[in-house]
Amino acid sequence: MPRLMLSDELWSKLRVILLQDGIYYKFNLRLTVEGMLYRMRVGCPLRDLPSSFGCWNTIYKRFNCWSASGRFLRIFKILVKDPDLEWIFIDGSYVKAHQHSAGAASDETQAIGKSRAGNTTKLHLAVDSCGLPIEFELTGGETHDCTAAPRLIDKIDVPEVIVADKGYDSKKIREQIRDKGSTPVIPRKENSLVGNDDMDWCLYKYRHLVENAFARLKHYRAIATRYDKLKRNYESMVAMACAFLWLPL
């Protein structure tokens, strides 16, 4: 039997959430969820899932159905309870797209773009004061942080402070943060005429929390490398990884 990720305590908590979301409780539900988590952890093709989890096609159909209905995102939102919104840290990170993730038969954009690393997806993440993910956004790898920041900031409840690096040095972003009633802590670029005299460098040092969150998420191979053709499926995989960080709390 492959190594499992859900202890009895974690499963009892997750099962309640699944049933509340309208999922029918079948005898193999726990193994089906474990199969999804196994694929997230090792990044293997679904066809190569160990038979101890059940039929791979059943797990794929269940995952695809839940992804299409936005169930993984809802579960993530349910688990994000009482985040510490005193400080919010935002940043973006590149995710290499596997060659099999390209070529989806769809007219919709699948958040795969060209960058110096080739085909990539960019994961934009917001974490709370404890370093736990609270919101994320997916774009193509060519998208600049400033371009995706307004959508990510709109999703966040009103925090006291939003901390970001120089990639977010923009008058528009600063105004958006202040309009939310928050304080931006974003260093200005070296060629700025305003300077950084008002910069809180002590608080800025805690920006490593968002980098740590990326490191924790990329422990899972299906997050560190994108294997999914559809944006919604990779988005569901990221939501599942973020939810798993909240599950023990």
C-alpha atoms as a PDB file:
ATOM      1  CA  MET A   1       0.000   0.000   0.000  1.00  0.00           C
ATOM      2  CA  PRO A   2       1.474   3.415  -0.934  1.00  0.00           C
ATOM      3  CA  ARG A   3       2.083   5.997   1.758  1.00  0.00           C
ATOM      4  CA  LEU A   4      -1.149   7.819   2.626  1.00  0.00           C
ATOM      5  CA  MET A   5      -1.543  11.495   3.547  1.00  0.00           C
ATOM      6  CA  LEU A   6      -4.769  11.529   5.562  1.00  0.00           C
ATOM      7  CA  SER A   7      -4.724  10.389   9.163  1.00  0.00           C
ATOM      8  CA  ASP A   8      -8.006   9.332  10.769  1.00  0.00           C
ATOM      9  CA  GLU A   9      -8.232  12.730  12.460  1.00  0.00           C
ATOM     10  CA  LEU A  10      -7.704  14.658   9.223  1.00  0.00           C
ATOM     11  CA  TRP A  11     -10.124  12.441   7.299  1.00  0.00           C
ATOM     12  CA  SER A  12     -12.876  12.860   9.887  1.00  0.00           C
ATOM     13  CA  LYS A  13     -12.556  16.635   9.510  1.00  0.00           C
ATOM     14  CA  LEU A  14     -12.416  16.532   5.702  1.00  0.00           C
ATOM     15  CA  ARG A  15     -15.300  14.065   5.401  1.00  0.00           C
ATOM     16  CA  VAL A  16     -17.662  16.478   7.180  1.00  0.00           C
ATOM     17  CA  ILE A  17     -16.727  19.241   4.722  1.00  0.00           C
ATOM     18  CA  LEU A  18     -17.196  16.951   1.712  1.00  0.00           C
ATOM     19  CA  LEU A  19     -20.620  15.804   2.875  1.00  0.00           C
ATOM     20  CA  GLN A  20     -21.699  19.385   3.573  1.00  0.00           C
ATOM     21  CA  ASP A  21     -20.738  20.261   0.005  1.00  0.00           C
ATOM     22  CA  GLY A  22     -23.139  17.652  -1.341  1.00  0.00           C
ATOM     23  CA  ILE A  23     -20.750  14.779  -2.062  1.00  0.00           C
ATOM     24  CA  TYR A  24     -22.390  11.370  -1.786  1.00  0.00           C
ATOM     25  CA  TYR A  25     -20.590   9.204   0.773  1.00  0.00           C
ATOM     26  CA  LYS A  26     -19.493   6.004  -0.965  1.00  0.00           C
ATOM     27  CA  PHE A  27     -17.472   3.227   0.607  1.00  0.00           C
ATOM     28  CA  ASN A  28     -14.402   4.149  -1.474  1.00  0.00           C
ATOM     29  CA  LEU A  29     -14.559   7.934  -0.990  1.00  0.00           C
ATOM     30  CA  ARG A  30     -11.533   8.073   1.281  1.00  0.00           C
ATOM     31  CA  LEU A  31      -9.384   6.028  -1.120  1.00  0.00           C
ATOM     32  CA  THR A  32     -10.537   8.215  -4.010  1.00  0.00           C
ATOM     33  CA  VAL A  33      -9.398  11.350  -2.166  1.00  0.00           C
ATOM     34  CA  GLU A  34      -6.150   9.628  -1.197  1.00  0.00           C
ATOM     35  CA  GLY A  35      -5.588   8.819  -4.881  1.00  0.00           C
ATOM     36  CA  MET A  36      -5.966  12.505  -5.767  1.00  0.00           C
ATOM     37  CA  LEU A  37      -3.535  13.477  -3.015  1.00  0.00           C
ATOM     38  CA  TYR A  38      -1.075  10.791  -4.137  1.00  0.00           C
ATOM     39  CA  ARG A  39      -1.108  12.179  -7.654  1.00  0.00           C
ATOM     40  CA  MET A  40      -0.593  15.695  -6.266  1.00  0.00           C
ATOM     41  CA  ARG A  41       2.377  14.509  -4.200  1.00  0.00           C
ATOM     42  CA  VAL A  42       4.238  12.379  -6.772  1.00  0.00           C
ATOM     43  CA  GLY A  43       3.037  13.962 -10.029  1.00  0.00           C
ATOM     44  CA  CYS A  44       2.476  10.664 -11.824  1.00  0.00           C
ATOM     45  CA  PRO A  45       0.030  10.237 -14.728  1.00  0.00           C
ATOM     46  CA  LEU A  46      -3.396   9.179 -13.495  1.00  0.00           C
ATOM     47  CA  ARG A  47      -3.110   5.959 -15.485  1.00  0.00           C
ATOM     48  CA  ASP A  48      -0.130   5.023 -13.316  1.00  0.00           C
ATOM     49  CA  LEU A  49      -1.937   5.363  -9.982  1.00  0.00           C
ATOM     50  CA  PRO A  50      -1.459   2.267  -7.798  1.00  0.00           C
ATOM     51  CA  SER A  51      -4.417  -0.097  -8.034  1.00  0.00           C
ATOM     52  CA  SER A  52      -4.829   0.020  -4.247  1.00  0.00           C
ATOM     53  CA  PHE A  53      -6.617   3.364  -4.713  1.00  0.00           C
ATOM     54  CA  GLY A  54      -9.148   1.806  -7.062  1.00  0.00           C
ATOM     55  CA  CYS A  55      -9.707   2.259 -10.788  1.00  0.00           C
ATOM     56  CA  TRP A  56      -7.680   5.208 -12.095  1.00  0.00           C
ATOM     57  CA  ASN A  57     -10.485   6.202 -14.458  1.00  0.00           C
ATOM     58  CA  THR A  58     -12.915   6.516 -11.546  1.00  0.00           C
ATOM     59  CA  ILE A  59     -10.504   8.829  -9.721  1.00  0.00           C
ATOM     60  CA  TYR A  60      -9.954  10.887 -12.877  1.00  0.00           C
ATOM     61  CA  LYS A  61     -13.684  11.293 -13.527  1.00  0.00           C
ATOM     62  CA  ARG A  62     -14.321  12.267  -9.913  1.00  0.00           C
ATOM     63  CA  PHE A  63     -11.448  14.790  -9.944  1.00  0.00           C
ATOM     64  CA  ASN A  64     -12.542  16.280 -13.272  1.00  0.00           C
ATOM     65  CA  CYS A  65     -16.156  16.574 -12.098  1.00  0.00           C
ATOM     66  CA  TRP A  66     -15.194  18.250  -8.822  1.00  0.00           C
ATOM     67  CA  SER A  67     -12.825  20.566 -10.701  1.00  0.00           C
ATOM     68  CA  ALA A  68     -15.483  21.626 -13.209  1.00  0.00           C
ATOM     69  CA  SER A  69     -17.919  22.436 -10.400  1.00  0.00           C
ATOM     70  CA  GLY A  70     -15.327  24.448  -8.440  1.00  0.00           C
ATOM     71  CA  ARG A  71     -15.509  22.086  -5.478  1.00  0.00           C
ATOM     72  CA  PHE A  72     -11.805  22.196  -4.619  1.00  0.00           C
ATOM     73  CA  LEU A  73     -11.880  25.993  -4.445  1.00  0.00           C
ATOM     74  CA  ARG A  74     -14.935  25.880  -2.159  1.00  0.00           C
ATOM     75  CA  ILE A  75     -13.253  23.372   0.149  1.00  0.00           C
ATOM     76  CA  PHE A  76     -10.180  25.618   0.293  1.00  0.00           C
ATOM     77  CA  LYS A  77     -12.360  28.611   1.212  1.00  0.00           C
ATOM     78  CA  ILE A  78     -14.170  26.634   3.917  1.00  0.00           C
ATOM     79  CA  LEU A  79     -10.861  25.630   5.515  1.00  0.00           C
ATOM     80  CA  VAL A  80      -9.513  29.196   5.516  1.00  0.00           C
ATOM     81  CA  LYS A  81     -11.010  30.143   8.870  1.00  0.00           C
ATOM     82  CA  ASP A  82      -9.978  33.246  10.798  1.00  0.00           C
ATOM     83  CA  PRO A  83      -6.813  34.092   8.845  1.00  0.00           C
ATOM     84  CA  ASP A  84      -4.536  36.612  10.530  1.00  0.00           C
ATOM     85  CA  LEU A  85      -5.052  39.671   8.314  1.00  0.00           C
ATOM     86  CA  GLU A  86      -2.761  42.005  10.216  1.00  0.00           C
ATOM     87  CA  TRP A  87      -0.104  41.584   7.513  1.00  0.00           C
ATOM     88  CA  ILE A  88      -0.634  40.167   4.018  1.00  0.00           C
ATOM     89  CA  PHE A  89       2.301  39.168   1.832  1.00  0.00           C
ATOM     90  CA  ILE A  90       1.944  38.735  -1.945  1.00  0.00           C
ATOM     91  CA  ASP A  91       4.350  37.438  -4.572  1.00  0.00           C
ATOM     92  CA  GLY A  92       4.520  35.417  -7.778  1.00  0.00           C
ATOM     93  CA  SER A  93       6.428  32.282  -8.726  1.00  0.00           C
ATOM     94  CA  TYR A  94       7.036  30.523 -12.040  1.00  0.00           C
ATOM     95  CA  VAL A  95       5.859  26.950 -12.557  1.00  0.00           C
ATOM     96  CA  LYS A  96       7.396  24.985 -15.410  1.00  0.00           C
ATOM     97  CA  ALA A  97       4.740  23.522 -17.705  1.00  0.00           C
ATOM     98  CA  HIS A  98       5.367  19.940 -18.807  1.00  0.00           C
ATOM     99  CA  GLN A  99       5.296  19.352 -22.561  1.00  0.00           C
ATOM    100  CA  HIS A 100       2.140  17.248 -22.164  1.00  0.00           C
ATOM    101  CA  SER A 101       0.293  20.149 -20.529  1.00  0.00           C
ATOM    102  CA  ALA A 102       0.258  22.138 -23.772  1.00  0.00           C
ATOM    103  CA  GLY A 103      -2.241  21.780 -26.602  1.00  0.00           C
ATOM    104  CA  ALA A 104      -5.562  21.690 -24.748  1.00  0.00           C
ATOM    105  CA  ALA A 105      -8.501  21.379 -27.167  1.00  0.00           C
ATOM    106  CA  SER A 106     -10.171  24.564 -25.975  1.00  0.00           C
ATOM    107  CA  ASP A 107     -10.601  28.134 -27.199  1.00  0.00           C
ATOM    108  CA  GLU A 108     -10.178  29.463 -23.669  1.00  0.00           C
ATOM    109  CA  THR A 109      -6.806  30.607 -22.370  1.00  0.00           C
ATOM    110  CA  GLN A 110      -5.186  27.964 -20.164  1.00  0.00           C
ATOM    111  CA  ALA A 111      -2.715  30.221 -18.306  1.00  0.00           C
ATOM    112  CA  ILE A 112       0.346  28.866 -20.104  1.00  0.00           C
ATOM    113  CA  GLY A 113       2.703  31.454 -21.549  1.00  0.00           C
ATOM    114  CA  LYS A 114       6.243  31.875 -22.801  1.00  0.00           C
ATOM    115  CA  SER A 115       9.035  33.086 -20.557  1.00  0.00           C
ATOM    116  CA  ARG A 116      12.775  32.576 -20.371  1.00  0.00           C
ATOM    117  CA  ALA A 117      12.120  29.089 -18.994  1.00  0.00           C
ATOM    118  CA  GLY A 118       9.900  28.102 -21.929  1.00  0.00           C
ATOM    119  CA  ASN A 119       6.253  27.206 -21.357  1.00  0.00           C
ATOM    120  CA  THR A 120       5.358  28.365 -17.851  1.00  0.00           C
ATOM    121  CA  THR A 121       2.452  29.238 -15.615  1.00  0.00           C
ATOM    122  CA  LYS A 122       2.789  31.937 -12.990  1.00  0.00           C
ATOM    123  CA  LEU A 123       1.307  31.365  -9.548  1.00  0.00           C
ATOM    124  CA  HIS A 124       0.434  34.592  -7.724  1.00  0.00           C
ATOM    125  CA  LEU A 125      -0.056  33.954  -4.021  1.00  0.00           C
ATOM    126  CA  ALA A 126      -1.246  35.882  -0.968  1.00  0.00           C
ATOM    127  CA  VAL A 127      -0.478  34.602   2.530  1.00  0.00           C
ATOM    128  CA  ASP A 128      -1.533  35.823   5.964  1.00  0.00           C
ATOM    129  CA  SER A 129       0.672  36.793   8.913  1.00  0.00           C
ATOM    130  CA  CYS A 130       1.228  33.107   9.728  1.00  0.00           C
ATOM    131  CA  GLY A 131       2.424  32.295   6.213  1.00  0.00           C
ATOM    132  CA  LEU A 132      -0.712  30.340   5.241  1.00  0.00           C
ATOM    133  CA  PRO A 133      -2.188  30.813   1.731  1.00  0.00           C
ATOM    134  CA  ILE A 134      -5.481  32.710   1.613  1.00  0.00           C
ATOM    135  CA  GLU A 135      -5.811  33.606  -2.094  1.00  0.00           C
ATOM    136  CA  PHE A 136      -4.086  32.782  -5.361  1.00  0.00           C
ATOM    137  CA  GLU A 137      -4.294  33.606  -9.048  1.00  0.00           C
ATOM    138  CA  LEU A 138      -2.968  31.803 -12.139  1.00  0.00           C
ATOM    139  CA  THR A 139      -1.670  33.550 -15.251  1.00  0.00           C
ATOM    140  CA  GLY A 140       0.636  32.800 -18.137  1.00  0.00           C
ATOM    141  CA  GLY A 141       4.334  32.932 -17.364  1.00  0.00           C
ATOM    142  CA  GLU A 142       4.814  36.137 -19.362  1.00  0.00           C
ATOM    143  CA  THR A 143       2.443  38.116 -17.114  1.00  0.00           C
ATOM    144  CA  HIS A 144       4.160  40.700 -14.916  1.00  0.00           C
ATOM    145  CA  ASP A 145       3.390  40.795 -11.198  1.00  0.00           C
ATOM    146  CA  CYS A 146       1.893  44.290 -11.515  1.00  0.00           C
ATOM    147  CA  THR A 147      -0.600  43.042 -14.106  1.00  0.00           C
ATOM    148  CA  ALA A 148      -2.003  40.268 -11.923  1.00  0.00           C
ATOM    149  CA  ALA A 149      -1.799  42.159  -8.618  1.00  0.00           C
ATOM    150  CA  PRO A 150      -5.101  44.127  -8.911  1.00  0.00           C
ATOM    151  CA  ARG A 151      -7.177  40.945  -9.282  1.00  0.00           C
ATOM    152  CA  LEU A 152      -5.336  39.270  -6.404  1.00  0.00           C
ATOM    153  CA  ILE A 153      -5.710  42.299  -4.115  1.00  0.00           C
ATOM    154  CA  ASP A 154      -9.438  42.557  -4.916  1.00  0.00           C
ATOM    155  CA  LYS A 155      -9.948  39.041  -3.545  1.00  0.00           C
ATOM    156  CA  ILE A 156      -8.361  39.845  -0.171  1.00  0.00           C
ATOM    157  CA  ASP A 157     -10.395  41.084   2.769  1.00  0.00           C
ATOM    158  CA  VAL A 158      -9.272  44.385   4.265  1.00  0.00           C
ATOM    159  CA  PRO A 159      -5.872  43.814   5.945  1.00  0.00           C
ATOM    160  CA  GLU A 160      -3.872  46.343   7.918  1.00  0.00           C
ATOM    161  CA  VAL A 161      -0.758  46.078   5.741  1.00  0.00           C
ATOM    162  CA  ILE A 162       0.043  44.529   2.343  1.00  0.00           C
ATOM    163  CA  VAL A 163       3.730  43.716   1.817  1.00  0.00           C
ATOM    164  CA  ALA A 164       5.308  43.047  -1.587  1.00  0.00           C
ATOM    165  CA  ASP A 165       8.654  43.365  -3.346  1.00  0.00           C
ATOM    166  CA  LYS A 166       9.841  45.873  -5.972  1.00  0.00           C
ATOM    167  CA  GLY A 167       7.994  44.002  -8.706  1.00  0.00           C
ATOM    168  CA  TYR A 168       4.808  45.594  -7.354  1.00  0.00           C
ATOM    169  CA  ASP A 169       6.196  49.132  -7.295  1.00  0.00           C
ATOM    170  CA  SER A 170       3.336  50.889  -9.060  1.00  0.00           C
ATOM    171  CA  LYS A 171       1.338  54.013  -8.261  1.00  0.00           C
ATOM    172  CA  LYS A 172      -1.873  52.264  -9.320  1.00  0.00           C
ATOM    173  CA  ILE A 173      -1.264  49.331  -6.944  1.00  0.00           C
ATOM    174  CA  ARG A 174      -0.411  51.639  -4.048  1.00  0.00           C
ATOM    175  CA  GLU A 175      -3.631  53.597  -4.631  1.00  0.00           C
ATOM    176  CA  GLN A 176      -5.664  50.389  -4.817  1.00  0.00           C
ATOM    177  CA  ILE A 177      -4.227  49.217  -1.487  1.00  0.00           C
ATOM    178  CA  ARG A 178      -4.937  52.566   0.174  1.00  0.00           C
ATOM    179  CA  ASP A 179      -8.488  52.576  -1.244  1.00  0.00           C
ATOM    180  CA  LYS A 180      -9.050  49.276   0.603  1.00  0.00           C
ATOM    181  CA  GLY A 181      -8.057  50.989   3.832  1.00  0.00           C
ATOM    182  CA  SER A 182      -4.688  49.222   4.013  1.00  0.00           C
ATOM    183  CA  THR A 183      -1.097  50.408   4.093  1.00  0.00           C
ATOM    184  CA  PRO A 184       1.300  49.370   1.299  1.00  0.00           C
ATOM    185  CA  VAL A 185       4.809  48.298   2.301  1.00  0.00           C
ATOM    186  CA  ILE A 186       6.490  48.116  -1.100  1.00  0.00           C
ATOM    187  CA  PRO A 187      10.062  49.323  -1.697  1.00  0.00           C
ATOM    188  CA  ARG A 188      10.485  51.767  -4.559  1.00  0.00           C
ATOM    189  CA  LYS A 189      12.952  51.108  -7.347  1.00  0.00           C
ATOM    190  CA  GLU A 190      16.408  52.651  -7.319  1.00  0.00           C
ATOM    191  CA  ASN A 191      15.508  55.195 -10.014  1.00  0.00           C
ATOM    192  CA  SER A 192      12.543  56.504  -8.017  1.00  0.00           C
ATOM    193  CA  LEU A 193      12.596  60.216  -7.171  1.00  0.00           C
ATOM    194  CA  VAL A 194      10.486  59.659  -4.045  1.00  0.00           C
ATOM    195  CA  GLY A 195      12.881  57.311  -2.265  1.00  0.00           C
ATOM    196  CA  ASN A 196      12.270  54.841   0.553  1.00  0.00           C
ATOM    197  CA  ASP A 197      12.393  57.079   3.615  1.00  0.00           C
ATOM    198  CA  ASP A 198       8.880  55.940   4.618  1.00  0.00           C
ATOM    199  CA  MET A 199       9.670  52.247   4.134  1.00  0.00           C
ATOM    200  CA  ASP A 200       9.185  49.851   7.070  1.00  0.00           C
ATOM    201  CA  TRP A 201      12.211  47.627   6.493  1.00  0.00           C
ATOM    202  CA  CYS A 202      11.664  45.695   9.712  1.00  0.00           C
ATOM    203  CA  LEU A 203       8.255  44.481   8.536  1.00  0.00           C
ATOM    204  CA  TYR A 204       9.554  43.907   5.012  1.00  0.00           C
ATOM    205  CA  LYS A 205      11.975  41.283   6.353  1.00  0.00           C
ATOM    206  CA  TYR A 206       8.984  39.035   7.110  1.00  0.00           C
ATOM    207  CA  ARG A 207       8.264  38.765   3.377  1.00  0.00           C
ATOM    208  CA  HIS A 208      10.071  35.447   3.521  1.00  0.00           C
ATOM    209  CA  LEU A 209       6.745  33.979   4.718  1.00  0.00           C
ATOM    210  CA  VAL A 210       5.310  34.040   1.198  1.00  0.00           C
ATOM    211  CA  GLU A 211       8.520  32.498  -0.164  1.00  0.00           C
ATOM    212  CA  ASN A 212       8.233  29.765   2.469  1.00  0.00           C
ATOM    213  CA  ALA A 213       4.641  29.131   1.350  1.00  0.00           C
ATOM    214  CA  PHE A 214       5.809  28.608  -2.245  1.00  0.00           C
ATOM    215  CA  ALA A 215       8.445  26.188  -0.983  1.00  0.00           C
ATOM    216  CA  ARG A 216       5.838  24.203   0.976  1.00  0.00           C
ATOM    217  CA  LEU A 217       3.456  24.042  -1.977  1.00  0.00           C
ATOM    218  CA  LYS A 218       6.212  22.963  -4.346  1.00  0.00           C
ATOM    219  CA  HIS A 219       7.033  19.982  -2.156  1.00  0.00           C
ATOM    220  CA  TYR A 220       4.227  18.422  -4.187  1.00  0.00           C
ATOM    221  CA  ARG A 221       5.465  17.521  -7.647  1.00  0.00           C
ATOM    222  CA  ALA A 222       2.153  18.198  -9.401  1.00  0.00           C
ATOM    223  CA  ILE A 223       2.415  21.772  -8.099  1.00  0.00           C
ATOM    224  CA  ALA A 224       6.140  22.298  -8.775  1.00  0.00           C
ATOM    225  CA  THR A 225       5.578  21.192 -12.389  1.00  0.00           C
ATOM    226  CA  ARG A 226       2.301  21.696 -14.205  1.00  0.00           C
ATOM    227  CA  TYR A 227       1.064  18.485 -15.841  1.00  0.00           C
ATOM    228  CA  ASP A 228      -2.589  19.527 -16.327  1.00  0.00           C
ATOM    229  CA  LYS A 229      -3.732  20.794 -19.708  1.00  0.00           C
ATOM    230  CA  LEU A 230      -6.700  22.755 -18.371  1.00  0.00           C
ATOM    231  CA  LYS A 231      -6.279  25.825 -16.203  1.00  0.00           C
ATOM    232  CA  ARG A 232      -9.184  24.800 -13.956  1.00  0.00           C
ATOM    233  CA  ASN A 233      -7.597  21.410 -13.266  1.00  0.00           C
ATOM    234  CA  TYR A 234      -4.246  22.915 -12.272  1.00  0.00           C
ATOM    235  CA  GLU A 235      -6.115  25.553 -10.278  1.00  0.00           C
ATOM    236  CA  SER A 236      -7.944  22.737  -8.462  1.00  0.00           C
ATOM    237  CA  MET A 237      -4.624  21.012  -7.779  1.00  0.00           C
ATOM    238  CA  VAL A 238      -3.208  24.212  -6.237  1.00  0.00           C
ATOM    239  CA  ALA A 239      -6.406  24.693  -4.205  1.00  0.00           C
ATOM    240  CA  MET A 240      -6.106  21.113  -2.930  1.00  0.00           C
ATOM    241  CA  ALA A 241      -2.487  21.729  -1.862  1.00  0.00           C
ATOM    242  CA  CYS A 242      -3.423  24.995  -0.119  1.00  0.00           C
ATOM    243  CA  ALA A 243      -6.369  23.319   1.614  1.00  0.00           C
ATOM    244  CA  PHE A 244      -4.103  20.519   2.848  1.00  0.00           C
ATOM    245  CA  LEU A 245      -1.914  23.117   4.602  1.00  0.00           C
ATOM    246  CA  TRP A 246      -4.990  24.393   6.471  1.00  0.00           C
ATOM    247  CA  LEU A 247      -6.498  20.979   7.222  1.00  0.00           C
ATOM    248  CA  PRO A 248      -4.514  20.193  10.427  1.00  0.00           C
ATOM    249  CA  LEU A 249      -5.410  23.575  11.985  1.00  0.00           C
END
